[in-house]
């Protein structure tokens, strides 16, 4: 399997098993990078309390409030130590990497469902933005329909990407990734259901020269 295409490209199709495999790869990478961060931070004598990764952290990069706080802390020197800078760098790079892999594999899974990759906007981007800015939305009952819609989109996206089968035939995004199901299903007719007349009837010439007689074979 071409792992570069599988993890980073946005074209083509993958089946459900590979979508789950991508999540496993992301989880393993998270554990590996978290171990590196703890090791590096420990070398500087300032072990971090905890290391966590969340795909939704990518939306912090578009949150002006988060960026403002981060810049202010850097100016005050609170996070200007080598340990903090290394941890911040790896955390940022890891979050962007995980988000890229998740989006690339999700788009290919949507292609397998014969859907446009832009469906990641309601399935992933909208819930992520809502989670990032939910505490700053008005505290009103009018927000309940929005929250319910976001929750429904999350469930729909999960089912669509990780639970439902892809199209069995070649669609606009490429052939079926499962080689045994490449064409549209055809109606099958059992040969035993019909009567094969050619195998049940034969012409037997008469030895005395009279016209040929038709005999029915029993037990073709």
Protein backbone atom coordinates (compact mmCIF):
# COMPACT_ATOMS: atom_id res chain seq x y z
CA UNK A 1 0.00 0.00 0.00
CA UNK A 2 1.18 3.52 -0.82
CA UNK A 3 1.30 5.04 2.68
CA UNK A 4 2.09 8.55 1.47
CA UNK A 5 -1.04 8.58 -0.70
CA UNK A 6 -3.08 6.84 2.00
CA UNK A 7 -2.23 9.31 4.76
CA UNK A 8 -1.70 12.61 2.93
CA UNK A 9 -3.49 12.65 -0.46
CA UNK A 10 -7.05 13.81 -1.00
CA UNK A 11 -7.83 11.91 -4.22
CA UNK A 12 -9.18 8.41 -4.66
CA UNK A 13 -11.14 6.13 -2.35
CA UNK A 14 -10.54 4.02 0.75
CA UNK A 15 -12.84 1.58 2.48
CA UNK A 16 -14.01 1.53 6.10
CA UNK A 17 -11.14 -0.67 7.31
CA UNK A 18 -8.54 1.83 6.11
CA UNK A 19 -10.46 4.71 7.69
CA UNK A 20 -10.25 2.94 11.05
CA UNK A 21 -6.59 2.15 10.35
CA UNK A 22 -5.94 5.88 9.85
CA UNK A 23 -7.40 6.60 13.30
CA UNK A 24 -5.13 3.93 14.78
CA UNK A 25 -2.11 5.50 13.05
CA UNK A 26 -3.05 8.94 14.42
CA UNK A 27 -3.42 7.53 17.93
CA UNK A 28 -0.02 5.82 17.76
CA UNK A 29 1.59 9.02 16.50
CA UNK A 30 -0.01 10.97 19.34
CA UNK A 31 1.42 8.58 21.93
CA UNK A 32 4.85 8.64 20.27
CA UNK A 33 5.08 12.44 20.03
CA UNK A 34 3.74 12.82 23.58
CA UNK A 35 6.55 10.56 24.77
CA UNK A 36 9.11 12.69 22.91
CA UNK A 37 7.69 15.86 24.44
CA UNK A 38 7.85 14.46 27.95
CA UNK A 39 11.42 13.30 27.38
CA UNK A 40 12.58 16.65 25.95
CA UNK A 41 10.84 18.67 28.63
CA UNK A 42 12.34 16.44 31.31
CA UNK A 43 15.83 17.06 29.95
CA UNK A 44 15.38 20.76 30.62
CA UNK A 45 14.36 20.08 34.21
CA UNK A 46 10.86 21.39 33.76
CA UNK A 47 8.62 18.37 33.28
CA UNK A 48 5.17 19.22 32.00
CA UNK A 49 2.15 18.21 34.01
CA UNK A 50 0.42 16.60 31.06
CA UNK A 51 0.59 16.31 27.28
CA UNK A 52 -2.56 16.02 25.24
CA UNK A 53 -3.56 16.17 21.61
CA UNK A 54 -6.98 16.90 20.22
CA UNK A 55 -7.92 17.24 16.56
CA UNK A 56 -10.16 20.15 17.52
CA UNK A 57 -7.09 22.03 18.79
CA UNK A 58 -6.47 23.02 15.18
CA UNK A 59 -9.34 25.52 15.49
CA UNK A 60 -7.41 27.40 18.17
CA UNK A 61 -5.24 28.73 15.36
CA UNK A 62 -8.21 30.71 14.02
CA UNK A 63 -9.30 31.94 17.44
CA UNK A 64 -8.09 35.54 17.97
CA UNK A 65 -8.47 35.24 21.74
CA UNK A 66 -6.19 32.20 21.96
CA UNK A 67 -3.57 33.81 19.73
CA UNK A 68 -3.69 37.01 21.80
CA UNK A 69 -3.11 35.10 25.04
CA UNK A 70 -0.25 33.10 23.53
CA UNK A 71 1.49 36.23 22.25
CA UNK A 72 1.05 37.97 25.61
CA UNK A 73 2.60 35.03 27.49
CA UNK A 74 5.56 35.02 25.13
CA UNK A 75 6.12 38.74 25.68
CA UNK A 76 6.00 38.25 29.45
CA UNK A 77 8.56 35.46 29.15
CA UNK A 78 6.31 32.86 30.77
CA UNK A 79 6.68 30.44 27.88
CA UNK A 80 9.95 31.63 26.39
CA UNK A 81 12.14 28.94 27.95
CA UNK A 82 13.72 26.39 25.59
CA UNK A 83 11.56 23.61 27.03
CA UNK A 84 8.33 25.50 26.46
CA UNK A 85 9.33 26.52 22.95
CA UNK A 86 10.20 22.93 21.97
CA UNK A 87 6.99 21.59 23.48
CA UNK A 88 4.92 24.27 21.74
CA UNK A 89 6.59 23.58 18.41
CA UNK A 90 6.03 19.81 18.54
CA UNK A 91 2.48 20.23 19.84
CA UNK A 92 1.62 22.64 17.03
CA UNK A 93 3.28 20.55 14.32
CA UNK A 94 1.70 17.36 15.65
CA UNK A 95 -1.78 18.87 15.79
CA UNK A 96 -1.53 20.13 12.21
CA UNK A 97 -0.16 16.77 11.03
CA UNK A 98 -2.95 14.81 12.71
CA UNK A 99 -5.60 17.15 11.32
CA UNK A 100 -4.17 16.79 7.80
CA UNK A 101 -4.17 12.98 7.98
CA UNK A 102 -7.68 12.92 9.41
CA UNK A 103 -9.01 15.22 6.69
CA UNK A 104 -7.21 13.38 3.87
CA UNK A 105 -8.49 9.95 4.91
CA UNK A 106 -11.98 11.29 5.64
CA UNK A 107 -12.20 12.88 2.19
CA UNK A 108 -11.19 9.61 0.53
CA UNK A 109 -13.79 7.77 2.63
CA UNK A 110 -16.45 10.26 1.53
CA UNK A 111 -15.37 9.62 -2.06
CA UNK A 112 -15.97 5.93 -1.41
CA UNK A 113 -19.51 6.89 -0.43
CA UNK A 114 -19.74 8.85 -3.74
CA UNK A 115 -19.85 12.14 -1.83
CA UNK A 116 -17.81 15.28 -2.35
CA UNK A 117 -14.92 15.89 0.00
CA UNK A 118 -16.56 19.20 0.94
CA UNK A 119 -18.82 17.22 3.27
CA UNK A 120 -16.00 17.50 5.83
CA UNK A 121 -17.18 21.09 6.35
CA UNK A 122 -20.48 20.12 8.07
CA UNK A 123 -19.06 16.88 9.48
CA UNK A 124 -15.79 18.22 10.96
CA UNK A 125 -15.24 21.95 10.50
CA UNK A 126 -18.63 23.13 11.78
CA UNK A 127 -18.54 21.00 14.98
CA UNK A 128 -14.93 22.05 15.60
CA UNK A 129 -15.68 25.74 15.28
CA UNK A 130 -18.73 25.38 17.50
CA UNK A 131 -16.68 23.63 20.19
CA UNK A 132 -14.02 26.36 20.02
CA UNK A 133 -16.42 29.30 20.34
CA UNK A 134 -19.31 27.71 22.29
CA UNK A 135 -18.39 29.43 25.57
CA UNK A 136 -18.61 32.82 23.87
CA UNK A 137 -22.01 32.31 22.26
CA UNK A 138 -25.06 33.92 23.86
CA UNK A 139 -26.53 31.92 26.74
CA UNK A 140 -29.98 31.60 25.26
CA UNK A 141 -32.49 28.90 24.49
CA UNK A 142 -32.20 30.01 20.87
CA UNK A 143 -28.80 28.29 20.82
CA UNK A 144 -30.36 24.90 21.53
CA UNK A 145 -31.36 24.23 17.88
CA UNK A 146 -27.81 25.09 16.83
CA UNK A 147 -26.31 22.72 19.40
CA UNK A 148 -28.73 19.99 18.37
CA UNK A 149 -27.85 20.49 14.70
CA UNK A 150 -24.12 20.30 15.44
CA UNK A 151 -24.62 17.09 17.43
CA UNK A 152 -26.67 15.56 14.61
CA UNK A 153 -23.96 16.46 12.09
CA UNK A 154 -21.30 14.81 14.26
CA UNK A 155 -23.29 11.58 14.50
CA UNK A 156 -24.12 11.65 10.79
CA UNK A 157 -20.49 12.23 9.87
CA UNK A 158 -19.27 9.37 12.06
CA UNK A 159 -21.81 6.95 10.61
CA UNK A 160 -21.14 8.11 7.05
CA UNK A 161 -17.36 7.80 7.29
CA UNK A 162 -16.82 4.85 9.60
CA UNK A 163 -19.94 2.68 9.43
CA UNK A 164 -21.52 2.67 5.96
CA UNK A 165 -20.28 0.72 2.95
CA UNK A 166 -18.97 2.49 -0.13
CA UNK A 167 -20.47 2.22 -3.58
CA UNK A 168 -19.86 -1.22 -5.07
CA UNK A 169 -19.11 0.11 -8.54
CA UNK A 170 -16.67 2.60 -10.00
CA UNK A 171 -17.93 6.09 -9.21
CA UNK A 172 -16.77 9.58 -10.18
CA UNK A 173 -13.87 9.40 -7.72
CA UNK A 174 -12.37 6.10 -8.82
CA UNK A 175 -12.79 2.33 -8.71
CA UNK A 176 -13.98 0.38 -5.73
CA UNK A 177 -11.05 -0.18 -3.33
CA UNK A 178 -12.37 -3.70 -2.76
CA UNK A 179 -11.26 -5.58 -5.92
CA UNK A 180 -13.99 -8.22 -5.73
CA UNK A 181 -16.78 -5.64 -6.17
CA UNK A 182 -15.79 -3.56 -9.18
CA UNK A 183 -19.01 -3.45 -11.20
CA UNK A 184 -22.65 -2.76 -10.61
CA UNK A 185 -24.54 -5.80 -9.38
CA UNK A 186 -26.31 -7.71 -12.12
CA UNK A 187 -29.44 -9.78 -11.83
CA UNK A 188 -28.39 -13.41 -11.71
CA UNK A 189 -30.42 -16.19 -13.21
CA UNK A 190 -29.98 -19.70 -11.95
CA UNK A 191 -29.41 -22.21 -14.69
CA UNK A 192 -31.19 -24.84 -12.67
CA UNK A 193 -34.42 -22.83 -12.52
CA UNK A 194 -35.07 -22.98 -16.28
CA UNK A 195 -35.41 -25.89 -18.70
CA UNK A 196 -32.43 -26.34 -20.99
CA UNK A 197 -34.15 -27.65 -24.09
CA UNK A 198 -30.93 -28.20 -26.03
CA UNK A 199 -29.73 -30.69 -23.44
CA UNK A 200 -33.08 -32.43 -23.09
CA UNK A 201 -33.98 -32.96 -26.73
CA UNK A 202 -31.91 -34.61 -29.42
CA UNK A 203 -32.55 -35.85 -32.93
CA UNK A 204 -31.84 -39.54 -33.40
CA UNK A 205 -31.63 -40.84 -37.00
CA UNK A 206 -33.60 -44.02 -37.69
CA UNK A 207 -31.51 -46.92 -38.87
CA UNK A 208 -34.11 -48.00 -41.47
CA UNK A 209 -34.05 -44.66 -43.33
CA UNK A 210 -37.36 -43.26 -42.08
CA UNK A 211 -37.55 -39.58 -41.08
CA UNK A 212 -35.69 -38.59 -37.98
CA UNK A 213 -37.59 -39.12 -34.76
CA UNK A 214 -37.61 -36.73 -31.79
CA UNK A 215 -36.94 -38.36 -28.45
CA UNK A 216 -36.95 -36.73 -25.03
CA UNK A 217 -34.00 -37.60 -22.84
CA UNK A 218 -34.84 -38.43 -19.27
CA UNK A 219 -32.38 -37.19 -16.75
CA UNK A 220 -30.20 -34.88 -18.86
